mmCIF file of all heavy atoms, coordinates in Angstrom:
data_MODEL
# 
_entry.id   MODEL 
# 
loop_
_atom_site.group_PDB 
_atom_site.id 
_atom_site.type_symbol 
_atom_site.label_atom_id 
_atom_site.label_alt_id 
_atom_site.label_comp_id 
_atom_site.label_asym_id 
_atom_site.label_entity_id 
_atom_site.label_seq_id 
_atom_site.pdbx_PDB_ins_code 
_atom_site.Cartn_x 
_atom_site.Cartn_y 
_atom_site.Cartn_z 
_atom_site.occupancy 
_atom_site.B_iso_or_equiv 
_atom_site.pdbx_formal_charge 
_atom_site.auth_seq_id 
_atom_site.auth_comp_id 
_atom_site.auth_asym_id 
_atom_site.auth_atom_id 
_atom_site.pdbx_PDB_model_num 
ATOM 1   N N   . SER A 1 1  ? 0.817  -1.207  -0.012  1.00 0.00 ? 1  SER A N   1 
ATOM 2   C CA  . SER A 1 1  ? 0.003  0.007   0.007   1.00 0.00 ? 1  SER A CA  1 
ATOM 3   C C   . SER A 1 1  ? 0.869  1.249   -0.004  1.00 0.00 ? 1  SER A C   1 
ATOM 4   O O   . SER A 1 1  ? 1.714  1.452   0.882   1.00 0.00 ? 1  SER A O   1 
ATOM 5   C CB  . SER A 1 1  ? -0.921 -0.004  1.248   1.00 0.00 ? 1  SER A CB  1 
ATOM 6   O OG  . SER A 1 1  ? -1.708 1.134   1.251   1.00 0.00 ? 1  SER A OG  1 
ATOM 7   N N   . GLY A 1 2  ? 0.675  2.107   -1.013  1.00 0.00 ? 2  GLY A N   1 
ATOM 8   C CA  . GLY A 1 2  ? 1.466  3.315   -1.145  1.00 0.00 ? 2  GLY A CA  1 
ATOM 9   C C   . GLY A 1 2  ? 2.707  3.196   -1.961  1.00 0.00 ? 2  GLY A C   1 
ATOM 10  O O   . GLY A 1 2  ? 3.389  4.209   -2.217  1.00 0.00 ? 2  GLY A O   1 
ATOM 11  N N   . GLY A 1 3  ? 3.056  1.966   -2.395  1.00 0.00 ? 3  GLY A N   1 
ATOM 12  C CA  . GLY A 1 3  ? 4.282  1.771   -3.180  1.00 0.00 ? 3  GLY A CA  1 
ATOM 13  C C   . GLY A 1 3  ? 4.195  2.402   -4.554  1.00 0.00 ? 3  GLY A C   1 
ATOM 14  O O   . GLY A 1 3  ? 3.144  2.463   -5.171  1.00 0.00 ? 3  GLY A O   1 
ATOM 15  N N   . PHE A 1 4  ? 5.353  2.828   -5.009  1.00 0.00 ? 4  PHE A N   1 
ATOM 16  C CA  . PHE A 1 4  ? 5.473  3.399   -6.372  1.00 0.00 ? 4  PHE A CA  1 
ATOM 17  C C   . PHE A 1 4  ? 6.022  2.378   -7.339  1.00 0.00 ? 4  PHE A C   1 
ATOM 18  O O   . PHE A 1 4  ? 6.869  1.552   -6.973  1.00 0.00 ? 4  PHE A O   1 
ATOM 19  C CB  . PHE A 1 4  ? 6.413  4.645   -6.359  1.00 0.00 ? 4  PHE A CB  1 
ATOM 20  C CG  . PHE A 1 4  ? 5.870  5.795   -5.637  1.00 0.00 ? 4  PHE A CG  1 
ATOM 21  C CD1 . PHE A 1 4  ? 6.055  5.926   -4.250  1.00 0.00 ? 4  PHE A CD1 1 
ATOM 22  C CD2 . PHE A 1 4  ? 5.226  6.809   -6.272  1.00 0.00 ? 4  PHE A CD2 1 
ATOM 23  C CE1 . PHE A 1 4  ? 5.583  7.047   -3.543  1.00 0.00 ? 4  PHE A CE1 1 
ATOM 24  C CE2 . PHE A 1 4  ? 4.725  7.930   -5.588  1.00 0.00 ? 4  PHE A CE2 1 
ATOM 25  C CZ  . PHE A 1 4  ? 4.904  8.030   -4.227  1.00 0.00 ? 4  PHE A CZ  1 
ATOM 26  N N   . PHE A 1 5  ? 5.567  2.444   -8.575  1.00 0.00 ? 5  PHE A N   1 
ATOM 27  C CA  . PHE A 1 5  ? 6.104  1.526   -9.601  1.00 0.00 ? 5  PHE A CA  1 
ATOM 28  C C   . PHE A 1 5  ? 6.138  2.239   -10.945 1.00 0.00 ? 5  PHE A C   1 
ATOM 29  O O   . PHE A 1 5  ? 5.425  3.239   -11.141 1.00 0.00 ? 5  PHE A O   1 
ATOM 30  C CB  . PHE A 1 5  ? 5.256  0.252   -9.687  1.00 0.00 ? 5  PHE A CB  1 
ATOM 31  C CG  . PHE A 1 5  ? 3.787  0.504   -9.890  1.00 0.00 ? 5  PHE A CG  1 
ATOM 32  C CD1 . PHE A 1 5  ? 3.267  0.743   -11.180 1.00 0.00 ? 5  PHE A CD1 1 
ATOM 33  C CD2 . PHE A 1 5  ? 2.894  0.521   -8.818  1.00 0.00 ? 5  PHE A CD2 1 
ATOM 34  C CE1 . PHE A 1 5  ? 1.926  1.007   -11.353 1.00 0.00 ? 5  PHE A CE1 1 
ATOM 35  C CE2 . PHE A 1 5  ? 1.557  0.771   -9.016  1.00 0.00 ? 5  PHE A CE2 1 
ATOM 36  C CZ  . PHE A 1 5  ? 1.087  1.020   -10.272 1.00 0.00 ? 5  PHE A CZ  1 
ATOM 37  N N   . ALA A 1 6  ? 6.977  1.755   -11.836 1.00 0.00 ? 6  ALA A N   1 
ATOM 38  C CA  . ALA A 1 6  ? 7.106  2.327   -13.162 1.00 0.00 ? 6  ALA A CA  1 
ATOM 39  C C   . ALA A 1 6  ? 6.247  1.543   -14.156 1.00 0.00 ? 6  ALA A C   1 
ATOM 40  O O   . ALA A 1 6  ? 5.800  0.439   -13.873 1.00 0.00 ? 6  ALA A O   1 
ATOM 41  C CB  . ALA A 1 6  ? 8.574  2.287   -13.612 1.00 0.00 ? 6  ALA A CB  1 
ATOM 42  N N   . ALA A 1 7  ? 6.031  2.181   -15.303 1.00 0.00 ? 7  ALA A N   1 
ATOM 43  C CA  . ALA A 1 7  ? 5.231  1.505   -16.318 1.00 0.00 ? 7  ALA A CA  1 
ATOM 44  C C   . ALA A 1 7  ? 5.947  0.261   -16.817 1.00 0.00 ? 7  ALA A C   1 
ATOM 45  O O   . ALA A 1 7  ? 7.178  0.247   -16.994 1.00 0.00 ? 7  ALA A O   1 
ATOM 46  C CB  . ALA A 1 7  ? 4.974  2.481   -17.478 1.00 0.00 ? 7  ALA A CB  1 
ATOM 47  N N   . ASN A 1 8  ? 5.217  -0.812  -17.009 1.00 0.00 ? 8  ASN A N   1 
ATOM 48  C CA  . ASN A 1 8  ? 5.711  -2.086  -17.544 1.00 0.00 ? 8  ASN A CA  1 
ATOM 49  C C   . ASN A 1 8  ? 6.644  -2.804  -16.568 1.00 0.00 ? 8  ASN A C   1 
ATOM 50  O O   . ASN A 1 8  ? 7.306  -3.806  -16.918 1.00 0.00 ? 8  ASN A O   1 
ATOM 51  C CB  . ASN A 1 8  ? 6.422  -1.896  -18.881 1.00 0.00 ? 8  ASN A CB  1 
ATOM 52  C CG  . ASN A 1 8  ? 6.394  -3.146  -19.748 1.00 0.00 ? 8  ASN A CG  1 
ATOM 53  O OD1 . ASN A 1 8  ? 5.389  -3.860  -19.771 1.00 0.00 ? 8  ASN A OD1 1 
ATOM 54  N ND2 . ASN A 1 8  ? 7.512  -3.453  -20.419 1.00 0.00 ? 8  ASN A ND2 1 
ATOM 55  N N   . GLU A 1 9  ? 6.663  -2.390  -15.329 1.00 0.00 ? 9  GLU A N   1 
ATOM 56  C CA  . GLU A 1 9  ? 7.507  -3.049  -14.324 1.00 0.00 ? 9  GLU A CA  1 
ATOM 57  C C   . GLU A 1 9  ? 6.808  -4.313  -13.826 1.00 0.00 ? 9  GLU A C   1 
ATOM 58  O O   . GLU A 1 9  ? 5.585  -4.346  -13.630 1.00 0.00 ? 9  GLU A O   1 
ATOM 59  C CB  . GLU A 1 9  ? 7.751  -2.124  -13.146 1.00 0.00 ? 9  GLU A CB  1 
ATOM 60  C CG  . GLU A 1 9  ? 8.845  -2.594  -12.188 1.00 0.00 ? 9  GLU A CG  1 
ATOM 61  C CD  . GLU A 1 9  ? 9.264  -1.517  -11.234 1.00 0.00 ? 9  GLU A CD  1 
ATOM 62  O OE1 . GLU A 1 9  ? 8.642  -0.437  -11.183 1.00 0.00 ? 9  GLU A OE1 1 
ATOM 63  O OE2 . GLU A 1 9  ? 10.232 -1.759  -10.490 1.00 0.00 ? 9  GLU A OE2 1 
ATOM 64  N N   . VAL A 1 10 ? 7.580  -5.414  -13.671 1.00 0.00 ? 10 VAL A N   1 
ATOM 65  C CA  . VAL A 1 10 ? 7.036  -6.690  -13.206 1.00 0.00 ? 10 VAL A CA  1 
ATOM 66  C C   . VAL A 1 10 ? 6.752  -6.598  -11.697 1.00 0.00 ? 10 VAL A C   1 
ATOM 67  O O   . VAL A 1 10 ? 7.706  -6.400  -10.902 1.00 0.00 ? 10 VAL A O   1 
ATOM 68  C CB  . VAL A 1 10 ? 7.991  -7.853  -13.505 1.00 0.00 ? 10 VAL A CB  1 
ATOM 69  C CG1 . VAL A 1 10 ? 7.417  -9.153  -12.955 1.00 0.00 ? 10 VAL A CG1 1 
ATOM 70  C CG2 . VAL A 1 10 ? 8.238  -7.976  -15.005 1.00 0.00 ? 10 VAL A CG2 1 
ATOM 71  N N   . LEU A 1 11 ? 5.510  -6.710  -11.331 1.00 0.00 ? 11 LEU A N   1 
ATOM 72  C CA  . LEU A 1 11 ? 5.142  -6.605  -9.897  1.00 0.00 ? 11 LEU A CA  1 
ATOM 73  C C   . LEU A 1 11 ? 4.968  -7.989  -9.273  1.00 0.00 ? 11 LEU A C   1 
ATOM 74  O O   . LEU A 1 11 ? 5.240  -8.150  -8.080  1.00 0.00 ? 11 LEU A O   1 
ATOM 75  C CB  . LEU A 1 11 ? 3.829  -5.824  -9.764  1.00 0.00 ? 11 LEU A CB  1 
ATOM 76  C CG  . LEU A 1 11 ? 3.874  -4.378  -10.270 1.00 0.00 ? 11 LEU A CG  1 
ATOM 77  C CD1 . LEU A 1 11 ? 2.532  -3.695  -10.041 1.00 0.00 ? 11 LEU A CD1 1 
ATOM 78  C CD2 . LEU A 1 11 ? 5.002  -3.599  -9.606  1.00 0.00 ? 11 LEU A CD2 1 
ATOM 79  N N   . VAL A 1 12 ? 4.554  -8.965  -10.049 1.00 0.00 ? 12 VAL A N   1 
ATOM 80  C CA  . VAL A 1 12 ? 4.368  -10.339 -9.539  1.00 0.00 ? 12 VAL A CA  1 
ATOM 81  C C   . VAL A 1 12 ? 4.821  -11.318 -10.624 1.00 0.00 ? 12 VAL A C   1 
ATOM 82  O O   . VAL A 1 12 ? 4.579  -11.121 -11.793 1.00 0.00 ? 12 VAL A O   1 
ATOM 83  C CB  . VAL A 1 12 ? 2.896  -10.622 -9.192  1.00 0.00 ? 12 VAL A CB  1 
ATOM 84  C CG1 . VAL A 1 12 ? 2.699  -12.061 -8.745  1.00 0.00 ? 12 VAL A CG1 1 
ATOM 85  C CG2 . VAL A 1 12 ? 2.390  -9.663  -8.127  1.00 0.00 ? 12 VAL A CG2 1 
ATOM 86  N N   . ARG A 1 13 ? 5.546  -12.360 -10.184 1.00 0.00 ? 13 ARG A N   1 
ATOM 87  C CA  . ARG A 1 13 ? 5.959  -13.415 -11.112 1.00 0.00 ? 13 ARG A CA  1 
ATOM 88  C C   . ARG A 1 13 ? 5.386  -14.772 -10.641 1.00 0.00 ? 13 ARG A C   1 
ATOM 89  O O   . ARG A 1 13 ? 5.592  -15.168 -9.496  1.00 0.00 ? 13 ARG A O   1 
ATOM 90  C CB  . ARG A 1 13 ? 7.450  -13.496 -11.220 1.00 0.00 ? 13 ARG A CB  1 
ATOM 91  C CG  . ARG A 1 13 ? 7.978  -14.635 -12.097 1.00 0.00 ? 13 ARG A CG  1 
ATOM 92  C CD  . ARG A 1 13 ? 9.429  -14.389 -12.485 1.00 0.00 ? 13 ARG A CD  1 
ATOM 93  N NE  . ARG A 1 13 ? 9.544  -13.273 -13.408 1.00 0.00 ? 13 ARG A NE  1 
ATOM 94  C CZ  . ARG A 1 13 ? 10.596 -12.443 -13.439 1.00 0.00 ? 13 ARG A CZ  1 
ATOM 95  N NH1 . ARG A 1 13 ? 11.559 -12.572 -12.538 1.00 0.00 ? 13 ARG A NH1 1 
ATOM 96  N NH2 . ARG A 1 13 ? 10.647 -11.485 -14.320 1.00 0.00 ? 13 ARG A NH2 1 
ATOM 97  N N   . ILE A 1 14 ? 4.649  -15.413 -11.543 1.00 0.00 ? 14 ILE A N   1 
ATOM 98  C CA  . ILE A 1 14 ? 4.085  -16.746 -11.283 1.00 0.00 ? 14 ILE A CA  1 
ATOM 99  C C   . ILE A 1 14 ? 5.107  -17.792 -11.764 1.00 0.00 ? 14 ILE A C   1 
ATOM 100 O O   . ILE A 1 14 ? 5.793  -17.629 -12.779 1.00 0.00 ? 14 ILE A O   1 
ATOM 101 C CB  . ILE A 1 14 ? 2.756  -16.899 -12.022 1.00 0.00 ? 14 ILE A CB  1 
ATOM 102 C CG1 . ILE A 1 14 ? 1.717  -15.934 -11.437 1.00 0.00 ? 14 ILE A CG1 1 
ATOM 103 C CG2 . ILE A 1 14 ? 2.228  -18.319 -11.936 1.00 0.00 ? 14 ILE A CG2 1 
ATOM 104 C CD1 . ILE A 1 14 ? 0.401  -15.886 -12.139 1.00 0.00 ? 14 ILE A CD1 1 
ATOM 105 N N   . ASP A 1 15 ? 5.193  -18.921 -11.039 1.00 0.00 ? 15 ASP A N   1 
ATOM 106 C CA  . ASP A 1 15 ? 6.107  -20.017 -11.408 1.00 0.00 ? 15 ASP A CA  1 
ATOM 107 C C   . ASP A 1 15 ? 5.850  -20.383 -12.869 1.00 0.00 ? 15 ASP A C   1 
ATOM 108 O O   . ASP A 1 15 ? 4.783  -20.845 -13.253 1.00 0.00 ? 15 ASP A O   1 
ATOM 109 C CB  . ASP A 1 15 ? 5.835  -21.207 -10.503 1.00 0.00 ? 15 ASP A CB  1 
ATOM 110 C CG  . ASP A 1 15 ? 6.851  -22.323 -10.690 1.00 0.00 ? 15 ASP A CG  1 
ATOM 111 O OD1 . ASP A 1 15 ? 7.605  -22.270 -11.681 1.00 0.00 ? 15 ASP A OD1 1 
ATOM 112 O OD2 . ASP A 1 15 ? 6.859  -23.261 -9.892  1.00 0.00 ? 15 ASP A OD2 1 
ATOM 113 N N   . PRO A 1 16 ? 6.871  -20.241 -13.735 1.00 0.00 ? 16 PRO A N   1 
ATOM 114 C CA  . PRO A 1 16 ? 6.649  -20.402 -15.181 1.00 0.00 ? 16 PRO A CA  1 
ATOM 115 C C   . PRO A 1 16 ? 6.930  -21.798 -15.717 1.00 0.00 ? 16 PRO A C   1 
ATOM 116 O O   . PRO A 1 16 ? 6.789  -22.062 -16.914 1.00 0.00 ? 16 PRO A O   1 
ATOM 117 C CB  . PRO A 1 16 ? 7.653  -19.404 -15.787 1.00 0.00 ? 16 PRO A CB  1 
ATOM 118 C CG  . PRO A 1 16 ? 8.816  -19.466 -14.835 1.00 0.00 ? 16 PRO A CG  1 
ATOM 119 C CD  . PRO A 1 16 ? 8.235  -19.699 -13.471 1.00 0.00 ? 16 PRO A CD  1 
ATOM 120 N N   . ARG A 1 17 ? 7.308  -22.768 -14.852 1.00 0.00 ? 17 ARG A N   1 
ATOM 121 C CA  . ARG A 1 17 ? 7.782  -24.062 -15.366 1.00 0.00 ? 17 ARG A CA  1 
ATOM 122 C C   . ARG A 1 17 ? 6.720  -24.798 -16.176 1.00 0.00 ? 17 ARG A C   1 
ATOM 123 O O   . ARG A 1 17 ? 6.992  -25.379 -17.220 1.00 0.00 ? 17 ARG A O   1 
ATOM 124 C CB  . ARG A 1 17 ? 8.295  -24.930 -14.223 1.00 0.00 ? 17 ARG A CB  1 
ATOM 125 C CG  . ARG A 1 17 ? 9.619  -24.416 -13.650 1.00 0.00 ? 17 ARG A CG  1 
ATOM 126 C CD  . ARG A 1 17 ? 10.050 -25.230 -12.461 1.00 0.00 ? 17 ARG A CD  1 
ATOM 127 N NE  . ARG A 1 17 ? 9.137  -25.012 -11.331 1.00 0.00 ? 17 ARG A NE  1 
ATOM 128 C CZ  . ARG A 1 17 ? 9.312  -25.595 -10.161 1.00 0.00 ? 17 ARG A CZ  1 
ATOM 129 N NH1 . ARG A 1 17 ? 10.298 -26.472 -9.965  1.00 0.00 ? 17 ARG A NH1 1 
ATOM 130 N NH2 . ARG A 1 17 ? 8.455  -25.339 -9.158  1.00 0.00 ? 17 ARG A NH2 1 
ATOM 131 N N   . ASP A 1 18 ? 5.486  -24.810 -15.695 1.00 0.00 ? 18 ASP A N   1 
ATOM 132 C CA  . ASP A 1 18 ? 4.429  -25.463 -16.463 1.00 0.00 ? 18 ASP A CA  1 
ATOM 133 C C   . ASP A 1 18 ? 4.298  -24.877 -17.850 1.00 0.00 ? 18 ASP A C   1 
ATOM 134 O O   . ASP A 1 18 ? 4.009  -25.586 -18.813 1.00 0.00 ? 18 ASP A O   1 
ATOM 135 C CB  . ASP A 1 18 ? 3.093  -25.384 -15.705 1.00 0.00 ? 18 ASP A CB  1 
ATOM 136 C CG  . ASP A 1 18 ? 3.078  -26.236 -14.465 1.00 0.00 ? 18 ASP A CG  1 
ATOM 137 O OD1 . ASP A 1 18 ? 3.891  -27.190 -14.374 1.00 0.00 ? 18 ASP A OD1 1 
ATOM 138 O OD2 . ASP A 1 18 ? 2.270  -25.962 -13.570 1.00 0.00 ? 18 ASP A OD2 1 
ATOM 139 N N   . TYR A 1 19 ? 4.502  -23.562 -17.963 1.00 0.00 ? 19 TYR A N   1 
ATOM 140 C CA  . TYR A 1 19 ? 4.320  -22.873 -19.245 1.00 0.00 ? 19 TYR A CA  1 
ATOM 141 C C   . TYR A 1 19 ? 5.538  -23.069 -20.149 1.00 0.00 ? 19 TYR A C   1 
ATOM 142 O O   . TYR A 1 19 ? 5.406  -23.058 -21.379 1.00 0.00 ? 19 TYR A O   1 
ATOM 143 C CB  . TYR A 1 19 ? 4.017  -21.403 -19.008 1.00 0.00 ? 19 TYR A CB  1 
ATOM 144 C CG  . TYR A 1 19 ? 2.765  -21.250 -18.138 1.00 0.00 ? 19 TYR A CG  1 
ATOM 145 C CD1 . TYR A 1 19 ? 2.825  -21.114 -16.750 1.00 0.00 ? 19 TYR A CD1 1 
ATOM 146 C CD2 . TYR A 1 19 ? 1.490  -21.350 -18.740 1.00 0.00 ? 19 TYR A CD2 1 
ATOM 147 C CE1 . TYR A 1 19 ? 1.683  -20.995 -16.013 1.00 0.00 ? 19 TYR A CE1 1 
ATOM 148 C CE2 . TYR A 1 19 ? 0.351  -21.240 -17.979 1.00 0.00 ? 19 TYR A CE2 1 
ATOM 149 C CZ  . TYR A 1 19 ? 0.465  -21.075 -16.605 1.00 0.00 ? 19 TYR A CZ  1 
ATOM 150 O OH  . TYR A 1 19 ? -0.701 -21.024 -15.856 1.00 0.00 ? 19 TYR A OH  1 
ATOM 151 N N   . ASP A 1 20 ? 6.700  -23.281 -19.531 1.00 0.00 ? 20 ASP A N   1 
ATOM 152 C CA  . ASP A 1 20 ? 7.869  -23.636 -20.308 1.00 0.00 ? 20 ASP A CA  1 
ATOM 153 C C   . ASP A 1 20 ? 7.706  -25.015 -20.957 1.00 0.00 ? 20 ASP A C   1 
ATOM 154 O O   . ASP A 1 20 ? 8.066  -25.232 -22.107 1.00 0.00 ? 20 ASP A O   1 
ATOM 155 C CB  . ASP A 1 20 ? 9.124  -23.642 -19.441 1.00 0.00 ? 20 ASP A CB  1 
ATOM 156 C CG  . ASP A 1 20 ? 9.532  -22.224 -19.017 1.00 0.00 ? 20 ASP A CG  1 
ATOM 157 O OD1 . ASP A 1 20 ? 9.174  -21.268 -19.721 1.00 0.00 ? 20 ASP A OD1 1 
ATOM 158 O OD2 . ASP A 1 20 ? 10.218 -22.094 -17.955 1.00 0.00 ? 20 ASP A OD2 1 
ATOM 159 N N   . TYR A 1 21 ? 7.134  -25.937 -20.160 1.00 0.00 ? 21 TYR A N   1 
ATOM 160 C CA  . TYR A 1 21 ? 6.870  -27.293 -20.716 1.00 0.00 ? 21 TYR A CA  1 
ATOM 161 C C   . TYR A 1 21 ? 5.858  -27.211 -21.842 1.00 0.00 ? 21 TYR A C   1 
ATOM 162 O O   . TYR A 1 21 ? 6.010  -27.923 -22.861 1.00 0.00 ? 21 TYR A O   1 
ATOM 163 C CB  . TYR A 1 21 ? 6.331  -28.195 -19.632 1.00 0.00 ? 21 TYR A CB  1 
ATOM 164 C CG  . TYR A 1 21 ? 7.264  -28.373 -18.423 1.00 0.00 ? 21 TYR A CG  1 
ATOM 165 C CD1 . TYR A 1 21 ? 6.744  -28.648 -17.153 1.00 0.00 ? 21 TYR A CD1 1 
ATOM 166 C CD2 . TYR A 1 21 ? 8.655  -28.242 -18.564 1.00 0.00 ? 21 TYR A CD2 1 
ATOM 167 C CE1 . TYR A 1 21 ? 7.596  -28.811 -16.037 1.00 0.00 ? 21 TYR A CE1 1 
ATOM 168 C CE2 . TYR A 1 21 ? 9.503  -28.369 -17.466 1.00 0.00 ? 21 TYR A CE2 1 
ATOM 169 C CZ  . TYR A 1 21 ? 8.966  -28.650 -16.224 1.00 0.00 ? 21 TYR A CZ  1 
ATOM 170 O OH  . TYR A 1 21 ? 9.780  -28.815 -15.143 1.00 0.00 ? 21 TYR A OH  1 
ATOM 171 N N   . ALA A 1 22 ? 4.873  -26.360 -21.709 1.00 0.00 ? 22 ALA A N   1 
ATOM 172 C CA  . ALA A 1 22 ? 3.854  -26.225 -22.768 1.00 0.00 ? 22 ALA A CA  1 
ATOM 173 C C   . ALA A 1 22 ? 4.491  -25.697 -24.034 1.00 0.00 ? 22 ALA A C   1 
ATOM 174 O O   . ALA A 1 22 ? 4.130  -26.089 -25.149 1.00 0.00 ? 22 ALA A O   1 
ATOM 175 C CB  . ALA A 1 22 ? 2.733  -25.325 -22.299 1.00 0.00 ? 22 ALA A CB  1 
ATOM 176 N N   . ILE A 1 23 ? 5.453  -24.777 -23.886 1.00 0.00 ? 23 ILE A N   1 
ATOM 177 C CA  . ILE A 1 23 ? 6.156  -24.242 -25.085 1.00 0.00 ? 23 ILE A CA  1 
ATOM 178 C C   . ILE A 1 23 ? 6.925  -25.352 -25.746 1.00 0.00 ? 23 ILE A C   1 
ATOM 179 O O   . ILE A 1 23 ? 6.951  -25.483 -27.005 1.00 0.00 ? 23 ILE A O   1 
ATOM 180 C CB  . ILE A 1 23 ? 7.083  -23.067 -24.676 1.00 0.00 ? 23 ILE A CB  1 
ATOM 181 C CG1 . ILE A 1 23 ? 6.244  -21.877 -24.252 1.00 0.00 ? 23 ILE A CG1 1 
ATOM 182 C CG2 . ILE A 1 23 ? 8.040  -22.709 -25.794 1.00 0.00 ? 23 ILE A CG2 1 
ATOM 183 C CD1 . ILE A 1 23 ? 7.065  -20.699 -23.732 1.00 0.00 ? 23 ILE A CD1 1 
ATOM 184 N N   . ALA A 1 24 ? 7.639  -26.181 -24.975 1.00 0.00 ? 24 ALA A N   1 
ATOM 185 C CA  . ALA A 1 24 ? 8.417  -27.278 -25.563 1.00 0.00 ? 24 ALA A CA  1 
ATOM 186 C C   . ALA A 1 24 ? 7.503  -28.233 -26.314 1.00 0.00 ? 24 ALA A C   1 
ATOM 187 O O   . ALA A 1 24 ? 7.825  -28.705 -27.403 1.00 0.00 ? 24 ALA A O   1 
ATOM 188 C CB  . ALA A 1 24 ? 9.199  -28.000 -24.453 1.00 0.00 ? 24 ALA A CB  1 
ATOM 189 N N   . ALA A 1 25 ? 6.364  -28.590 -25.711 1.00 0.00 ? 25 ALA A N   1 
ATOM 190 C CA  . ALA A 1 25 ? 5.434  -29.478 -26.386 1.00 0.00 ? 25 ALA A CA  1 
ATOM 191 C C   . ALA A 1 25 ? 4.884  -28.849 -27.639 1.00 0.00 ? 25 ALA A C   1 
ATOM 192 O O   . ALA A 1 25 ? 4.712  -29.522 -28.677 1.00 0.00 ? 25 ALA A O   1 
ATOM 193 C CB  . ALA A 1 25 ? 4.271  -29.838 -25.435 1.00 0.00 ? 25 ALA A CB  1 
ATOM 194 N N   . ALA A 1 26 ? 4.604  -27.566 -27.644 1.00 0.00 ? 26 ALA A N   1 
ATOM 195 C CA  . ALA A 1 26 ? 4.098  -26.888 -28.806 1.00 0.00 ? 26 ALA A CA  1 
ATOM 196 C C   . ALA A 1 26 ? 5.133  -26.836 -29.909 1.00 0.00 ? 26 ALA A C   1 
ATOM 197 O O   . ALA A 1 26 ? 4.812  -26.940 -31.108 1.00 0.00 ? 26 ALA A O   1 
ATOM 198 C CB  . ALA A 1 26 ? 3.620  -25.482 -28.440 1.00 0.00 ? 26 ALA A CB  1 
ATOM 199 N N   . GLU A 1 27 ? 6.429  -26.664 -29.537 1.00 0.00 ? 27 GLU A N   1 
ATOM 200 C CA  . GLU A 1 27 ? 7.466  -26.645 -30.542 1.00 0.00 ? 27 GLU A CA  1 
ATOM 201 C C   . GLU A 1 27 ? 7.597  -27.998 -31.224 1.00 0.00 ? 27 GLU A C   1 
ATOM 202 O O   . GLU A 1 27 ? 7.808  -28.085 -32.446 1.00 0.00 ? 27 GLU A O   1 
ATOM 203 C CB  . GLU A 1 27 ? 8.798  -26.249 -29.883 1.00 0.00 ? 27 GLU A CB  1 
ATOM 204 C CG  . GLU A 1 27 ? 8.861  -24.781 -29.468 1.00 0.00 ? 27 GLU A CG  1 
ATOM 205 C CD  . GLU A 1 27 ? 10.106 -24.446 -28.704 1.00 0.00 ? 27 GLU A CD  1 
ATOM 206 O OE1 . GLU A 1 27 ? 10.744 -25.411 -28.167 1.00 0.00 ? 27 GLU A OE1 1 
ATOM 207 O OE2 . GLU A 1 27 ? 10.470 -23.265 -28.567 1.00 0.00 ? 27 GLU A OE2 1 
ATOM 208 N N   . ALA A 1 28 ? 7.430  -29.076 -30.458 1.00 0.00 ? 28 ALA A N   1 
ATOM 209 C CA  . ALA A 1 28 ? 7.457  -30.415 -31.019 1.00 0.00 ? 28 ALA A CA  1 
ATOM 210 C C   . ALA A 1 28 ? 6.276  -30.607 -31.960 1.00 0.00 ? 28 ALA A C   1 
ATOM 211 O O   . ALA A 1 28 ? 6.419  -31.214 -33.049 1.00 0.00 ? 28 ALA A O   1 
ATOM 212 C CB  . ALA A 1 28 ? 7.413  -31.473 -29.900 1.00 0.00 ? 28 ALA A CB  1 
# 
């Protein structure tokens, strides 16, 4: 509450491993 942030700044990161696997499967 009250924090400052810049435009396009990453505020939250979700665990991306499931989505990395989906990219690999889609490339195949």
